[in-house]
Amino acid sequence: MFVDKISLWVVVSAALADSVNPCEIGILTMALLHIIFAYGKEKVLRIGLMFSLGVAISYFFYGIFIAHVFRYIASIRIIVGVAAILLAIPRMIYALRGEELKLTPTPLRPLVAGYLRKGSVWYALVGGLLAGFVLMPCSSGPYYVILTLLSHDIVTVRLKAYVWLALYNAIVVLPLVVITLAAHFLMDVTKVKEYKDKLVPLLEWASSLILLALGLYVLTQM
């Protein structure tokens, strides 16, 4: 089975590339800054972590669903591999320009942000669950590659495939957790947005390069 051949570095590198999601990172950063000024820092930690948990949960179960779909599509590895390469190239170009390649409908972003700004941990969880579905196209190319490689073993409920999937999703939400901790502990919370604006284009370019490599990788595993 392919799950025995897939290596840790493939899962980790794909997850790191997927974790650079400008949609979710941008929304969470602005919402946490709003919460700090509206409700105080004591709510930031719980709301940010609950949002991250919601993203991880919805992303995980979305992955299981897509893996089942992929299992029954002929030539899915060719389709996903070529799509990954075609997506990576414009993302790299946009990142070099300091711009974002928008892959989600703009109205969906305020919808997610609205849940976060209510200042409730349960609304934050709902916002995270929603974000995992509606904002995932911003960066999910690597996820489809991994799901293509693991689809058979997820369908047959092999434990190792689910462990890989759980590890992947834990890494994906790391930037959200880091932003939450930074917003909670930093004295000057405006620095969080400044760092985000500077780092995201660079990280977006690096993640696009990884996506390009993953597309080539999956095409060689036929």
C-alpha atoms as a PDB file:
ATOM      1  CA  MET A   1       0.000   0.000   0.000  1.00  0.00           C
ATOM      2  CA  PHE A   2       1.197   3.532  -0.738  1.00  0.00           C
ATOM      3  CA  VAL A   3       0.744   4.602   2.894  1.00  0.00           C
ATOM      4  CA  ASP A   4       3.809   2.498   3.702  1.00  0.00           C
ATOM      5  CA  LYS A   5       5.875   4.346   1.089  1.00  0.00           C
ATOM      6  CA  ILE A   6       4.865   7.934   1.825  1.00  0.00           C
ATOM      7  CA  SER A   7       7.501   9.584   3.977  1.00  0.00           C
ATOM      8  CA  LEU A   8       7.302  11.973   6.903  1.00  0.00           C
ATOM      9  CA  TRP A   9       9.011  14.773   4.964  1.00  0.00           C
ATOM     10  CA  VAL A  10       6.345  14.646   2.248  1.00  0.00           C
ATOM     11  CA  VAL A  11       3.525  15.028   4.789  1.00  0.00           C
ATOM     12  CA  VAL A  12       5.323  17.715   6.804  1.00  0.00           C
ATOM     13  CA  SER A  13       6.434  19.757   3.793  1.00  0.00           C
ATOM     14  CA  ALA A  14       2.937  19.630   2.286  1.00  0.00           C
ATOM     15  CA  ALA A  15       1.363  20.659   5.596  1.00  0.00           C
ATOM     16  CA  LEU A  16       3.804  23.547   6.009  1.00  0.00           C
ATOM     17  CA  ALA A  17       2.948  24.765   2.515  1.00  0.00           C
ATOM     18  CA  ASP A  18      -0.782  24.455   3.240  1.00  0.00           C
ATOM     19  CA  SER A  19      -0.428  26.269   6.579  1.00  0.00           C
ATOM     20  CA  VAL A  20       0.374  29.527   4.764  1.00  0.00           C
ATOM     21  CA  ASN A  21      -3.292  30.363   4.219  1.00  0.00           C
ATOM     22  CA  PRO A  22      -3.551  34.139   3.723  1.00  0.00           C
ATOM     23  CA  CYS A  23      -7.346  34.046   4.008  1.00  0.00           C
ATOM     24  CA  GLU A  24      -7.461  32.426   7.451  1.00  0.00           C
ATOM     25  CA  ILE A  25      -4.328  34.185   8.739  1.00  0.00           C
ATOM     26  CA  GLY A  26      -5.578  37.603   7.661  1.00  0.00           C
ATOM     27  CA  ILE A  27      -9.065  37.138   9.098  1.00  0.00           C
ATOM     28  CA  LEU A  28      -7.801  35.776  12.412  1.00  0.00           C
ATOM     29  CA  THR A  29      -5.228  38.562  12.812  1.00  0.00           C
ATOM     30  CA  MET A  30      -7.722  41.367  12.242  1.00  0.00           C
ATOM     31  CA  ALA A  31     -10.398  39.693  14.365  1.00  0.00           C
ATOM     32  CA  LEU A  32      -8.035  39.182  17.308  1.00  0.00           C
ATOM     33  CA  LEU A  33      -6.963  42.811  17.179  1.00  0.00           C
ATOM     34  CA  HIS A  34     -10.642  43.788  17.232  1.00  0.00           C
ATOM     35  CA  ILE A  35     -11.278  41.490  20.189  1.00  0.00           C
ATOM     36  CA  ILE A  36      -8.337  42.943  22.132  1.00  0.00           C
ATOM     37  CA  PHE A  37      -9.710  46.469  21.855  1.00  0.00           C
ATOM     38  CA  ALA A  38     -13.371  45.477  22.308  1.00  0.00           C
ATOM     39  CA  TYR A  39     -13.149  42.801  25.017  1.00  0.00           C
ATOM     40  CA  GLY A  40      -9.565  42.784  26.317  1.00  0.00           C
ATOM     41  CA  LYS A  41      -6.660  40.360  25.986  1.00  0.00           C
ATOM     42  CA  GLU A  42      -8.161  37.748  28.296  1.00  0.00           C
ATOM     43  CA  LYS A  43     -10.539  36.570  25.538  1.00  0.00           C
ATOM     44  CA  VAL A  44      -7.986  36.457  22.750  1.00  0.00           C
ATOM     45  CA  LEU A  45      -6.324  33.200  23.778  1.00  0.00           C
ATOM     46  CA  ARG A  46      -9.522  31.172  24.076  1.00  0.00           C
ATOM     47  CA  ILE A  47     -11.113  32.560  20.921  1.00  0.00           C
ATOM     48  CA  GLY A  48      -7.991  32.100  18.791  1.00  0.00           C
ATOM     49  CA  LEU A  49      -7.425  28.535  19.985  1.00  0.00           C
ATOM     50  CA  MET A  50     -11.073  27.567  19.496  1.00  0.00           C
ATOM     51  CA  PHE A  51     -10.981  28.978  15.975  1.00  0.00           C
ATOM     52  CA  SER A  52      -7.825  26.952  15.265  1.00  0.00           C
ATOM     53  CA  LEU A  53      -9.488  23.819  16.650  1.00  0.00           C
ATOM     54  CA  GLY A  54     -12.517  24.368  14.422  1.00  0.00           C
ATOM     55  CA  VAL A  55     -10.304  24.697  11.342  1.00  0.00           C
ATOM     56  CA  ALA A  56      -8.415  21.493  12.223  1.00  0.00           C
ATOM     57  CA  ILE A  57     -11.618  19.496  12.797  1.00  0.00           C
ATOM     58  CA  SER A  58     -13.386  20.572   9.611  1.00  0.00           C
ATOM     59  CA  TYR A  59     -10.217  20.207   7.532  1.00  0.00           C
ATOM     60  CA  PHE A  60      -9.672  16.689   8.882  1.00  0.00           C
ATOM     61  CA  PHE A  61     -13.175  15.437   8.053  1.00  0.00           C
ATOM     62  CA  TYR A  62     -13.185  17.252   4.727  1.00  0.00           C
ATOM     63  CA  GLY A  63      -9.998  15.357   3.931  1.00  0.00           C
ATOM     64  CA  ILE A  64     -11.621  12.016   4.724  1.00  0.00           C
ATOM     65  CA  PHE A  65     -14.568  12.868   2.472  1.00  0.00           C
ATOM     66  CA  ILE A  66     -12.347  13.962  -0.432  1.00  0.00           C
ATOM     67  CA  ALA A  67     -10.155  10.872  -0.039  1.00  0.00           C
ATOM     68  CA  HIS A  68     -13.238   8.695  -0.521  1.00  0.00           C
ATOM     69  CA  VAL A  69     -14.160  10.650  -3.642  1.00  0.00           C
ATOM     70  CA  PHE A  70     -10.620  10.435  -5.029  1.00  0.00           C
ATOM     71  CA  ARG A  71     -10.523   6.672  -4.540  1.00  0.00           C
ATOM     72  CA  TYR A  72     -13.059   6.226  -7.314  1.00  0.00           C
ATOM     73  CA  ILE A  73     -11.787   8.760  -9.855  1.00  0.00           C
ATOM     74  CA  ALA A  74      -9.636   7.320 -12.618  1.00  0.00           C
ATOM     75  CA  SER A  75      -6.250   8.970 -13.181  1.00  0.00           C
ATOM     76  CA  ILE A  76      -6.731  11.164 -10.090  1.00  0.00           C
ATOM     77  CA  ARG A  77      -2.969  11.385  -9.499  1.00  0.00           C
ATOM     78  CA  ILE A  78      -2.399  12.803 -12.969  1.00  0.00           C
ATOM     79  CA  ILE A  79      -5.241  15.295 -12.501  1.00  0.00           C
ATOM     80  CA  VAL A  80      -4.063  16.469  -9.078  1.00  0.00           C
ATOM     81  CA  GLY A  81      -0.385  16.515 -10.045  1.00  0.00           C
ATOM     82  CA  VAL A  82      -0.979  18.667 -13.124  1.00  0.00           C
ATOM     83  CA  ALA A  83      -3.417  20.917 -11.229  1.00  0.00           C
ATOM     84  CA  ALA A  84      -0.845  21.432  -8.456  1.00  0.00           C
ATOM     85  CA  ILE A  85       1.777  22.544 -10.962  1.00  0.00           C
ATOM     86  CA  LEU A  86      -0.638  24.854 -12.795  1.00  0.00           C
ATOM     87  CA  LEU A  87      -1.728  26.422  -9.481  1.00  0.00           C
ATOM     88  CA  ALA A  88       1.790  26.786  -8.068  1.00  0.00           C
ATOM     89  CA  ILE A  89       3.110  28.908 -10.941  1.00  0.00           C
ATOM     90  CA  PRO A  90       0.609  31.823 -10.705  1.00  0.00           C
ATOM     91  CA  ARG A  91       0.802  31.710  -6.901  1.00  0.00           C
ATOM     92  CA  MET A  92       4.555  32.192  -7.091  1.00  0.00           C
ATOM     93  CA  ILE A  93       4.138  35.112  -9.495  1.00  0.00           C
ATOM     94  CA  TYR A  94       1.552  36.810  -7.284  1.00  0.00           C
ATOM     95  CA  ALA A  95       3.687  36.248  -4.183  1.00  0.00           C
ATOM     96  CA  LEU A  96       6.693  37.870  -5.860  1.00  0.00           C
ATOM     97  CA  ARG A  97       4.495  40.892  -6.571  1.00  0.00           C
ATOM     98  CA  GLY A  98       3.389  41.000  -2.925  1.00  0.00           C
ATOM     99  CA  GLU A  99      -0.188  40.223  -3.992  1.00  0.00           C
ATOM    100  CA  GLU A 100      -2.643  37.481  -3.074  1.00  0.00           C
ATOM    101  CA  LEU A 101      -4.139  35.097  -5.611  1.00  0.00           C
ATOM    102  CA  LYS A 102      -7.739  35.066  -4.400  1.00  0.00           C
ATOM    103  CA  LEU A 103      -9.342  31.657  -4.789  1.00  0.00           C
ATOM    104  CA  THR A 104     -12.345  32.089  -2.493  1.00  0.00           C
ATOM    105  CA  PRO A 105     -15.424  34.308  -3.003  1.00  0.00           C
ATOM    106  CA  THR A 106     -14.811  37.606  -1.201  1.00  0.00           C
ATOM    107  CA  PRO A 107     -18.192  37.642   0.664  1.00  0.00           C
ATOM    108  CA  LEU A 108     -17.221  34.484   2.545  1.00  0.00           C
ATOM    109  CA  ARG A 109     -14.401  36.202   4.432  1.00  0.00           C
ATOM    110  CA  PRO A 110     -16.584  38.719   6.332  1.00  0.00           C
ATOM    111  CA  LEU A 111     -18.920  35.833   7.160  1.00  0.00           C
ATOM    112  CA  VAL A 112     -16.136  33.979   8.988  1.00  0.00           C
ATOM    113  CA  ALA A 113     -14.784  37.185  10.554  1.00  0.00           C
ATOM    114  CA  GLY A 114     -18.254  37.976  11.874  1.00  0.00           C
ATOM    115  CA  TYR A 115     -18.280  34.824  13.990  1.00  0.00           C
ATOM    116  CA  LEU A 116     -14.874  35.665  15.444  1.00  0.00           C
ATOM    117  CA  ARG A 117     -15.761  39.230  16.346  1.00  0.00           C
ATOM    118  CA  LYS A 118     -18.724  38.188  18.477  1.00  0.00           C
ATOM    119  CA  GLY A 119     -16.233  37.522  21.290  1.00  0.00           C
ATOM    120  CA  SER A 120     -17.582  34.037  22.092  1.00  0.00           C
ATOM    121  CA  VAL A 121     -15.504  30.854  22.121  1.00  0.00           C
ATOM    122  CA  TRP A 122     -18.420  28.887  20.675  1.00  0.00           C
ATOM    123  CA  TYR A 123     -18.908  31.338  17.842  1.00  0.00           C
ATOM    124  CA  ALA A 124     -15.147  31.148  17.273  1.00  0.00           C
ATOM    125  CA  LEU A 125     -15.420  27.346  16.993  1.00  0.00           C
ATOM    126  CA  VAL A 126     -18.241  27.690  14.457  1.00  0.00           C
ATOM    127  CA  GLY A 127     -16.159  30.249  12.561  1.00  0.00           C
ATOM    128  CA  GLY A 128     -13.249  27.824  12.489  1.00  0.00           C
ATOM    129  CA  LEU A 129     -15.437  24.957  11.289  1.00  0.00           C
ATOM    130  CA  LEU A 130     -16.754  27.201   8.527  1.00  0.00           C
ATOM    131  CA  ALA A 131     -13.307  28.536   7.628  1.00  0.00           C
ATOM    132  CA  GLY A 132     -11.951  25.017   7.195  1.00  0.00           C
ATOM    133  CA  PHE A 133     -14.430  24.514   4.355  1.00  0.00           C
ATOM    134  CA  VAL A 134     -14.958  27.880   2.680  1.00  0.00           C
ATOM    135  CA  LEU A 135     -11.446  29.364   2.991  1.00  0.00           C
ATOM    136  CA  MET A 136      -9.401  26.244   2.309  1.00  0.00           C
ATOM    137  CA  PRO A 137      -8.985  26.920  -1.463  1.00  0.00           C
ATOM    138  CA  CYS A 138      -6.583  29.753  -0.541  1.00  0.00           C
ATOM    139  CA  SER A 139      -3.856  27.203   0.159  1.00  0.00           C
ATOM    140  CA  SER A 140      -5.214  23.664  -0.087  1.00  0.00           C
ATOM    141  CA  GLY A 141      -3.319  22.475  -3.162  1.00  0.00           C
ATOM    142  CA  PRO A 142      -0.843  20.438  -1.057  1.00  0.00           C
ATOM    143  CA  TYR A 143      -3.729  18.820   0.834  1.00  0.00           C
ATOM    144  CA  TYR A 144      -5.173  17.388  -2.375  1.00  0.00           C
ATOM    145  CA  VAL A 145      -1.783  15.905  -3.231  1.00  0.00           C
ATOM    146  CA  ILE A 146      -1.542  14.162   0.152  1.00  0.00           C
ATOM    147  CA  LEU A 147      -5.153  12.985  -0.047  1.00  0.00           C
ATOM    148  CA  THR A 148      -4.439  11.555  -3.497  1.00  0.00           C
ATOM    149  CA  LEU A 149      -1.512   9.560  -2.095  1.00  0.00           C
ATOM    150  CA  LEU A 150      -3.456   8.365   0.958  1.00  0.00           C
ATOM    151  CA  SER A 151      -6.935   7.954  -0.526  1.00  0.00           C
ATOM    152  CA  HIS A 152      -6.914   4.160  -0.812  1.00  0.00           C
ATOM    153  CA  ASP A 153      -5.686   3.650   2.739  1.00  0.00           C
ATOM    154  CA  ILE A 154      -8.105   6.190   4.226  1.00  0.00           C
ATOM    155  CA  VAL A 155     -10.998   4.415   2.498  1.00  0.00           C
ATOM    156  CA  THR A 156      -9.820   1.069   3.888  1.00  0.00           C
ATOM    157  CA  VAL A 157      -9.458   2.679   7.336  1.00  0.00           C
ATOM    158  CA  ARG A 158      -5.772   2.012   7.866  1.00  0.00           C
ATOM    159  CA  LEU A 159      -4.621   3.612  11.116  1.00  0.00           C
ATOM    160  CA  LYS A 160      -1.343   4.954   9.746  1.00  0.00           C
ATOM    161  CA  ALA A 161      -3.153   6.940   7.047  1.00  0.00           C
ATOM    162  CA  TYR A 162      -5.327   8.618   9.682  1.00  0.00           C
ATOM    163  CA  VAL A 163      -2.242   9.387  11.787  1.00  0.00           C
ATOM    164  CA  TRP A 164      -0.648  11.076   8.769  1.00  0.00           C
ATOM    165  CA  LEU A 165      -3.858  13.036   8.246  1.00  0.00           C
ATOM    166  CA  ALA A 166      -4.010  14.122  11.904  1.00  0.00           C
ATOM    167  CA  LEU A 167      -0.344  15.183  11.817  1.00  0.00           C
ATOM    168  CA  TYR A 168      -0.964  17.139   8.635  1.00  0.00           C
ATOM    169  CA  ASN A 169      -3.861  19.061  10.160  1.00  0.00           C
ATOM    170  CA  ALA A 170      -1.990  19.767  13.387  1.00  0.00           C
ATOM    171  CA  ILE A 171       0.774  21.426  11.352  1.00  0.00           C
ATOM    172  CA  VAL A 172      -1.720  23.336   9.195  1.00  0.00           C
ATOM    173  CA  VAL A 173      -3.154  25.236  12.168  1.00  0.00           C
ATOM    174  CA  LEU A 174       0.243  26.034  13.744  1.00  0.00           C
ATOM    175  CA  PRO A 175       0.406  29.572  12.250  1.00  0.00           C
ATOM    176  CA  LEU A 176      -3.058  30.281  13.660  1.00  0.00           C
ATOM    177  CA  VAL A 177      -1.927  29.126  17.100  1.00  0.00           C
ATOM    178  CA  VAL A 178       1.276  31.190  16.870  1.00  0.00           C
ATOM    179  CA  ILE A 179      -0.697  34.312  15.891  1.00  0.00           C
ATOM    180  CA  THR A 180      -3.065  33.733  18.811  1.00  0.00           C
ATOM    181  CA  LEU A 181      -0.207  33.384  21.285  1.00  0.00           C
ATOM    182  CA  ALA A 182       1.515  36.445  19.851  1.00  0.00           C
ATOM    183  CA  ALA A 183      -1.654  38.533  20.095  1.00  0.00           C
ATOM    184  CA  HIS A 184      -2.153  37.393  23.696  1.00  0.00           C
ATOM    185  CA  PHE A 185       1.378  37.826  25.023  1.00  0.00           C
ATOM    186  CA  LEU A 186       2.899  40.670  22.991  1.00  0.00           C
ATOM    187  CA  MET A 187       2.699  44.102  24.570  1.00  0.00           C
ATOM    188  CA  ASP A 188       2.329  45.888  21.208  1.00  0.00           C
ATOM    189  CA  VAL A 189      -0.414  43.940  19.450  1.00  0.00           C
ATOM    190  CA  THR A 190      -0.118  46.005  16.258  1.00  0.00           C
ATOM    191  CA  LYS A 191       3.212  44.242  15.660  1.00  0.00           C
ATOM    192  CA  VAL A 192       1.283  41.040  14.951  1.00  0.00           C
ATOM    193  CA  LYS A 193      -0.302  42.590  11.856  1.00  0.00           C
ATOM    194  CA  GLU A 194       3.003  44.140  10.773  1.00  0.00           C
ATOM    195  CA  TYR A 195       4.815  40.802  10.952  1.00  0.00           C
ATOM    196  CA  LYS A 196       1.956  39.110   9.134  1.00  0.00           C
ATOM    197  CA  ASP A 197       2.048  41.626   6.280  1.00  0.00           C
ATOM    198  CA  LYS A 198       5.817  41.193   5.881  1.00  0.00           C
ATOM    199  CA  LEU A 199       6.054  37.423   6.223  1.00  0.00           C
ATOM    200  CA  VAL A 200       2.993  36.105   4.381  1.00  0.00           C
ATOM    201  CA  PRO A 201       4.161  37.020   0.824  1.00  0.00           C
ATOM    202  CA  LEU A 202       7.536  35.360   1.458  1.00  0.00           C
ATOM    203  CA  LEU A 203       5.926  32.283   2.983  1.00  0.00           C
ATOM    204  CA  GLU A 204       3.364  32.194   0.185  1.00  0.00           C
ATOM    205  CA  TRP A 205       6.177  32.035  -2.387  1.00  0.00           C
ATOM    206  CA  ALA A 206       7.923  29.250  -0.457  1.00  0.00           C
ATOM    207  CA  SER A 207       4.683  27.271  -0.105  1.00  0.00           C
ATOM    208  CA  SER A 208       4.045  27.631  -3.848  1.00  0.00           C
ATOM    209  CA  LEU A 209       7.501  26.229  -4.539  1.00  0.00           C
ATOM    210  CA  ILE A 210       6.708  23.249  -2.299  1.00  0.00           C
ATOM    211  CA  LEU A 211       3.370  22.795  -4.105  1.00  0.00           C
ATOM    212  CA  LEU A 212       5.234  22.726  -7.421  1.00  0.00           C
ATOM    213  CA  ALA A 213       7.581  20.058  -6.075  1.00  0.00           C
ATOM    214  CA  LEU A 214       4.636  18.034  -4.720  1.00  0.00           C
ATOM    215  CA  GLY A 215       2.912  18.165  -8.106  1.00  0.00           C
ATOM    216  CA  LEU A 216       6.021  16.784  -9.761  1.00  0.00           C
ATOM    217  CA  TYR A 217       6.394  14.210  -6.992  1.00  0.00           C
ATOM    218  CA  VAL A 218       2.903  12.782  -7.304  1.00  0.00           C
ATOM    219  CA  LEU A 219       3.293  12.488 -11.093  1.00  0.00           C
ATOM    220  CA  THR A 220       6.410  10.364 -10.598  1.00  0.00           C
ATOM    221  CA  GLN A 221       4.633   7.982  -8.218  1.00  0.00           C
ATOM    222  CA  MET A 222       2.432   6.440 -10.889  1.00  0.00           C
END
